[in-house]
Amino acid sequence: MAAAVALALIRYYQFGDDPMAMIVGATVGTQAGVLAHSRQPDAAATRRAKLMLAAVLAAVALLFGLMVQFGVGGFENPAITIPLSAVGSFVFPLAVFDSMWKALRKPEGPAA
């Protein structure tokens, strides 16, 4: 959703390049995924949670890129942009999951 809104704004204001929408999508998707996972009871920042989020975002980036390319004309170099955005959408959550997790979790123990 965030990537679609970003793409619409980029095209409307003719500011930046269309692939920036994929970066916005990966960033917002990662934040939403970590936030949703952190709100689950007994949630933990496990390797499984990180890999699941990364895989889902990569698949969504791939599908969104193909929909944009075939639906509205999309990218100048789709053979580069779409796979690279899928790889980036997979790697980004793995790189920032822990730092976002620490920022979202409440400190345990008595408050000072």
N, C-alpha and C. Protein backbone atom coordinates (compact mmCIF):
# COMPACT_ATOMS: atom_id res chain seq x y z
N MET A 1 0.82 -1.18 0.00
CA MET A 1 0.00 0.00 0.00
C MET A 1 0.87 1.26 0.00
N ALA A 2 1.88 1.27 0.86
CA ALA A 2 2.77 2.43 0.94
C ALA A 2 3.50 2.64 -0.38
N ALA A 3 3.91 1.55 -1.01
CA ALA A 3 4.61 1.67 -2.29
C ALA A 3 3.69 2.23 -3.37
N ALA A 4 2.43 1.83 -3.35
CA ALA A 4 1.48 2.34 -4.33
C ALA A 4 1.23 3.83 -4.14
N VAL A 5 1.08 4.25 -2.90
CA VAL A 5 0.89 5.67 -2.62
C VAL A 5 2.14 6.46 -3.01
N ALA A 6 3.31 5.93 -2.66
CA ALA A 6 4.55 6.60 -3.02
C ALA A 6 4.71 6.71 -4.53
N LEU A 7 4.37 5.64 -5.24
CA LEU A 7 4.47 5.67 -6.70
C LEU A 7 3.52 6.71 -7.29
N ALA A 8 2.30 6.77 -6.77
CA ALA A 8 1.33 7.75 -7.26
C ALA A 8 1.84 9.18 -7.01
N LEU A 9 2.40 9.43 -5.83
CA LEU A 9 2.92 10.76 -5.53
C LEU A 9 4.13 11.11 -6.38
N ILE A 10 5.01 10.14 -6.58
CA ILE A 10 6.19 10.37 -7.42
C ILE A 10 5.77 10.74 -8.83
N ARG A 11 4.80 10.02 -9.35
CA ARG A 11 4.37 10.30 -10.72
C ARG A 11 3.56 11.60 -10.81
N TYR A 12 2.74 11.87 -9.83
CA TYR A 12 1.92 13.08 -9.85
C TYR A 12 2.79 14.33 -9.79
N TYR A 13 3.73 14.34 -8.85
CA TYR A 13 4.59 15.51 -8.68
C TYR A 13 5.84 15.46 -9.56
N GLN A 14 6.02 14.38 -10.30
CA GLN A 14 7.18 14.19 -11.17
C GLN A 14 8.47 14.48 -10.42
N PHE A 15 8.56 13.87 -9.23
CA PHE A 15 9.70 14.09 -8.36
C PHE A 15 10.33 12.74 -8.04
N GLY A 16 11.58 12.55 -8.40
CA GLY A 16 12.26 11.30 -8.10
C GLY A 16 12.00 10.25 -9.16
N ASP A 17 12.46 9.05 -8.88
CA ASP A 17 12.31 7.93 -9.80
C ASP A 17 11.32 6.93 -9.24
N ASP A 18 10.67 6.20 -10.13
CA ASP A 18 9.67 5.21 -9.72
C ASP A 18 10.21 4.15 -8.76
N PRO A 19 11.46 3.67 -8.91
CA PRO A 19 11.96 2.67 -7.97
C PRO A 19 12.02 3.13 -6.51
N MET A 20 11.97 4.43 -6.27
CA MET A 20 11.93 4.93 -4.89
C MET A 20 10.70 4.41 -4.17
N ALA A 21 9.63 4.16 -4.91
CA ALA A 21 8.41 3.62 -4.30
C ALA A 21 8.68 2.25 -3.68
N MET A 22 9.55 1.48 -4.28
CA MET A 22 9.88 0.16 -3.75
C MET A 22 10.65 0.28 -2.44
N ILE A 23 11.48 1.30 -2.33
CA ILE A 23 12.22 1.53 -1.09
C ILE A 23 11.27 1.94 0.02
N VAL A 24 10.33 2.81 -0.32
CA VAL A 24 9.32 3.21 0.66
C VAL A 24 8.51 2.00 1.12
N GLY A 25 8.14 1.15 0.18
CA GLY A 25 7.37 -0.05 0.52
C GLY A 25 8.13 -0.99 1.45
N ALA A 26 9.42 -1.18 1.19
CA ALA A 26 10.23 -2.05 2.05
C ALA A 26 10.38 -1.46 3.45
N THR A 27 10.56 -0.14 3.52
CA THR A 27 10.74 0.51 4.80
C THR A 27 9.47 0.46 5.64
N VAL A 28 8.36 0.87 5.05
CA VAL A 28 7.09 0.87 5.77
C VAL A 28 6.64 -0.56 6.08
N GLY A 29 6.84 -1.47 5.15
CA GLY A 29 6.48 -2.86 5.39
C GLY A 29 7.26 -3.47 6.54
N THR A 30 8.54 -3.16 6.61
CA THR A 30 9.36 -3.65 7.72
C THR A 30 8.88 -3.09 9.04
N GLN A 31 8.62 -1.80 9.08
CA GLN A 31 8.14 -1.17 10.31
C GLN A 31 6.80 -1.76 10.74
N ALA A 32 5.90 -1.93 9.80
CA ALA A 32 4.59 -2.49 10.12
C ALA A 32 4.70 -3.94 10.59
N GLY A 33 5.56 -4.70 9.94
CA GLY A 33 5.74 -6.10 10.33
C GLY A 33 6.34 -6.26 11.72
N VAL A 34 7.36 -5.48 12.02
CA VAL A 34 7.98 -5.55 13.34
C VAL A 34 6.99 -5.07 14.41
N LEU A 35 6.26 -4.00 14.12
CA LEU A 35 5.28 -3.49 15.06
C LEU A 35 4.20 -4.53 15.33
N ALA A 36 3.66 -5.12 14.28
CA ALA A 36 2.61 -6.13 14.45
C ALA A 36 3.13 -7.33 15.23
N HIS A 37 4.34 -7.77 14.93
CA HIS A 37 4.89 -8.93 15.63
C HIS A 37 5.18 -8.61 17.10
N SER A 38 5.63 -7.39 17.37
CA SER A 38 5.96 -7.04 18.75
C SER A 38 4.73 -6.95 19.64
N ARG A 39 3.57 -6.78 19.03
CA ARG A 39 2.32 -6.68 19.80
C ARG A 39 1.71 -8.04 20.12
N GLN A 40 2.26 -9.10 19.59
CA GLN A 40 1.76 -10.44 19.86
C GLN A 40 2.18 -10.88 21.26
N PRO A 41 1.31 -11.63 21.96
CA PRO A 41 1.71 -12.13 23.28
C PRO A 41 2.90 -13.09 23.16
N ASP A 42 3.83 -12.95 24.04
CA ASP A 42 5.03 -13.80 24.07
C ASP A 42 5.84 -13.73 22.78
N ALA A 43 5.82 -12.60 22.12
CA ALA A 43 6.58 -12.43 20.88
C ALA A 43 8.07 -12.32 21.19
N ALA A 44 8.87 -12.82 20.27
CA ALA A 44 10.32 -12.74 20.42
C ALA A 44 10.93 -12.45 19.05
N ALA A 45 12.07 -11.83 19.08
CA ALA A 45 12.79 -11.51 17.84
C ALA A 45 13.60 -12.73 17.40
N THR A 46 12.91 -13.75 16.94
CA THR A 46 13.57 -14.98 16.53
C THR A 46 14.02 -14.91 15.08
N ARG A 47 14.92 -15.79 14.73
CA ARG A 47 15.38 -15.87 13.35
C ARG A 47 14.20 -16.21 12.43
N ARG A 48 13.31 -17.06 12.90
CA ARG A 48 12.14 -17.45 12.11
C ARG A 48 11.26 -16.24 11.80
N ALA A 49 11.02 -15.39 12.80
CA ALA A 49 10.19 -14.20 12.59
C ALA A 49 10.85 -13.26 11.58
N LYS A 50 12.15 -13.09 11.68
CA LYS A 50 12.87 -12.21 10.76
C LYS A 50 12.80 -12.75 9.33
N LEU A 51 13.03 -14.05 9.18
CA LEU A 51 13.01 -14.65 7.84
C LEU A 51 11.62 -14.65 7.23
N MET A 52 10.60 -14.86 8.06
CA MET A 52 9.23 -14.82 7.54
C MET A 52 8.87 -13.42 7.05
N LEU A 53 9.21 -12.42 7.83
CA LEU A 53 8.95 -11.04 7.41
C LEU A 53 9.71 -10.72 6.14
N ALA A 54 10.97 -11.10 6.09
CA ALA A 54 11.79 -10.83 4.90
C ALA A 54 11.22 -11.52 3.66
N ALA A 55 10.80 -12.78 3.80
CA ALA A 55 10.26 -13.52 2.67
C ALA A 55 8.94 -12.92 2.17
N VAL A 56 8.10 -12.53 3.10
CA VAL A 56 6.82 -11.92 2.71
C VAL A 56 7.06 -10.60 1.98
N LEU A 57 7.94 -9.77 2.51
CA LEU A 57 8.21 -8.49 1.85
C LEU A 57 8.85 -8.67 0.48
N ALA A 58 9.72 -9.65 0.34
CA ALA A 58 10.33 -9.91 -0.96
C ALA A 58 9.29 -10.36 -1.98
N ALA A 59 8.38 -11.24 -1.56
CA ALA A 59 7.32 -11.71 -2.45
C ALA A 59 6.39 -10.56 -2.84
N VAL A 60 6.05 -9.73 -1.88
CA VAL A 60 5.17 -8.59 -2.17
C VAL A 60 5.87 -7.60 -3.11
N ALA A 61 7.15 -7.36 -2.90
CA ALA A 61 7.91 -6.46 -3.79
C ALA A 61 7.93 -7.01 -5.21
N LEU A 62 8.13 -8.30 -5.34
CA LEU A 62 8.14 -8.92 -6.66
C LEU A 62 6.78 -8.79 -7.33
N LEU A 63 5.72 -9.12 -6.61
CA LEU A 63 4.37 -9.03 -7.19
C LEU A 63 3.99 -7.59 -7.50
N PHE A 64 4.29 -6.67 -6.60
CA PHE A 64 3.97 -5.27 -6.85
C PHE A 64 4.74 -4.75 -8.07
N GLY A 65 6.02 -5.08 -8.15
CA GLY A 65 6.81 -4.64 -9.30
C GLY A 65 6.25 -5.16 -10.62
N LEU A 66 5.84 -6.42 -10.63
CA LEU A 66 5.26 -6.98 -11.86
C LEU A 66 3.92 -6.34 -12.18
N MET A 67 3.11 -6.08 -11.16
CA MET A 67 1.81 -5.43 -11.39
C MET A 67 2.00 -4.02 -11.94
N VAL A 68 2.96 -3.29 -11.39
CA VAL A 68 3.22 -1.94 -11.88
C VAL A 68 3.74 -2.00 -13.31
N GLN A 69 4.66 -2.89 -13.57
CA GLN A 69 5.26 -2.98 -14.90
C GLN A 69 4.22 -3.32 -15.97
N PHE A 70 3.38 -4.29 -15.68
CA PHE A 70 2.40 -4.71 -16.69
C PHE A 70 1.12 -3.88 -16.64
N GLY A 71 0.87 -3.24 -15.52
CA GLY A 71 -0.37 -2.48 -15.39
C GLY A 71 -0.28 -1.04 -15.87
N VAL A 72 0.75 -0.31 -15.46
CA VAL A 72 0.81 1.11 -15.78
C VAL A 72 2.11 1.53 -16.45
N GLY A 73 2.88 0.59 -16.91
CA GLY A 73 4.07 0.95 -17.67
C GLY A 73 5.36 0.96 -16.90
N GLY A 74 5.26 1.13 -15.64
CA GLY A 74 6.34 0.91 -14.70
C GLY A 74 7.70 1.49 -14.92
N PHE A 75 8.67 0.63 -14.88
CA PHE A 75 10.06 1.00 -14.69
C PHE A 75 10.82 1.02 -16.02
N GLU A 76 11.88 1.85 -16.06
CA GLU A 76 12.71 1.91 -17.26
C GLU A 76 13.46 0.60 -17.49
N ASN A 77 13.99 0.03 -16.42
CA ASN A 77 14.76 -1.21 -16.50
C ASN A 77 14.15 -2.26 -15.57
N PRO A 78 13.02 -2.84 -15.95
CA PRO A 78 12.35 -3.78 -15.04
C PRO A 78 13.16 -5.03 -14.74
N ALA A 79 14.01 -5.45 -15.66
CA ALA A 79 14.82 -6.65 -15.43
C ALA A 79 15.84 -6.43 -14.32
N ILE A 80 16.15 -5.19 -14.04
CA ILE A 80 17.07 -4.85 -12.95
C ILE A 80 16.30 -4.40 -11.71
N THR A 81 15.34 -3.52 -11.90
CA THR A 81 14.62 -2.90 -10.79
C THR A 81 13.82 -3.91 -9.97
N ILE A 82 13.07 -4.77 -10.62
CA ILE A 82 12.18 -5.67 -9.89
C ILE A 82 12.95 -6.71 -9.07
N PRO A 83 13.92 -7.44 -9.65
CA PRO A 83 14.67 -8.38 -8.81
C PRO A 83 15.48 -7.70 -7.72
N LEU A 84 16.06 -6.54 -8.03
CA LEU A 84 16.84 -5.83 -7.02
C LEU A 84 15.96 -5.35 -5.87
N SER A 85 14.75 -4.92 -6.18
CA SER A 85 13.84 -4.51 -5.10
C SER A 85 13.40 -5.70 -4.26
N ALA A 86 13.23 -6.85 -4.88
CA ALA A 86 12.88 -8.06 -4.11
C ALA A 86 14.02 -8.46 -3.18
N VAL A 87 15.24 -8.41 -3.68
CA VAL A 87 16.41 -8.73 -2.84
C VAL A 87 16.55 -7.71 -1.72
N GLY A 88 16.41 -6.44 -2.05
CA GLY A 88 16.49 -5.40 -1.04
C GLY A 88 15.41 -5.52 0.01
N SER A 89 14.21 -5.88 -0.42
CA SER A 89 13.10 -6.06 0.52
C SER A 89 13.32 -7.28 1.41
N PHE A 90 14.12 -8.22 0.96
CA PHE A 90 14.46 -9.37 1.80
C PHE A 90 15.55 -9.01 2.80
N VAL A 91 16.55 -8.30 2.36
CA VAL A 91 17.71 -7.99 3.20
C VAL A 91 17.40 -6.91 4.23
N PHE A 92 16.62 -5.90 3.85
CA PHE A 92 16.37 -4.77 4.75
C PHE A 92 15.78 -5.19 6.10
N PRO A 93 14.75 -6.02 6.15
CA PRO A 93 14.22 -6.42 7.45
C PRO A 93 15.24 -7.19 8.29
N LEU A 94 16.07 -7.98 7.65
CA LEU A 94 17.09 -8.73 8.39
C LEU A 94 18.10 -7.78 9.03
N ALA A 95 18.37 -6.67 8.35
CA ALA A 95 19.36 -5.72 8.84
C ALA A 95 18.84 -4.84 9.97
N VAL A 96 17.54 -4.51 9.96
CA VAL A 96 17.04 -3.54 10.94
C VAL A 96 16.07 -4.12 11.95
N PHE A 97 15.72 -5.39 11.85
CA PHE A 97 14.72 -5.98 12.74
C PHE A 97 15.10 -5.81 14.21
N ASP A 98 16.32 -6.15 14.56
CA ASP A 98 16.73 -6.11 15.97
C ASP A 98 16.68 -4.70 16.55
N SER A 99 17.16 -3.72 15.81
CA SER A 99 17.15 -2.35 16.33
C SER A 99 15.73 -1.82 16.47
N MET A 100 14.87 -2.16 15.53
CA MET A 100 13.47 -1.75 15.65
C MET A 100 12.79 -2.48 16.80
N TRP A 101 13.13 -3.74 16.97
CA TRP A 101 12.55 -4.54 18.05
C TRP A 101 12.90 -3.93 19.40
N LYS A 102 14.14 -3.57 19.59
CA LYS A 102 14.57 -2.97 20.85
C LYS A 102 13.86 -1.63 21.09
N ALA A 103 13.64 -0.88 20.06
CA ALA A 103 12.95 0.41 20.21
C ALA A 103 11.48 0.24 20.57
N LEU A 104 10.87 -0.86 20.14
CA LEU A 104 9.45 -1.08 20.37
C LEU A 104 9.14 -1.78 21.70
N ARG A 105 10.05 -2.58 22.18
CA ARG A 105 9.79 -3.35 23.39
C ARG A 105 9.94 -2.49 24.63
N LYS A 106 9.05 -2.68 25.55
CA LYS A 106 9.11 -1.95 26.82
C LYS A 106 10.19 -2.57 27.69
N PRO A 107 10.94 -1.74 28.40
CA PRO A 107 11.93 -2.31 29.31
C PRO A 107 11.23 -3.09 30.42
N GLU A 108 11.79 -4.23 30.73
CA GLU A 108 11.21 -5.06 31.79
C GLU A 108 11.81 -4.69 33.13
N GLY A 109 11.05 -4.94 34.16
CA GLY A 109 11.52 -4.65 35.51
C GLY A 109 10.87 -3.39 36.06
N PRO A 110 11.22 -3.04 37.29
CA PRO A 110 10.60 -1.86 37.90
C PRO A 110 11.07 -0.57 37.25
N ALA A 111 10.14 0.37 37.14
CA ALA A 111 10.48 1.66 36.57
C ALA A 111 11.28 2.48 37.57
N ALA A 112 12.21 3.23 37.07
CA ALA A 112 13.07 4.02 37.95
C ALA A 112 12.41 5.32 38.33
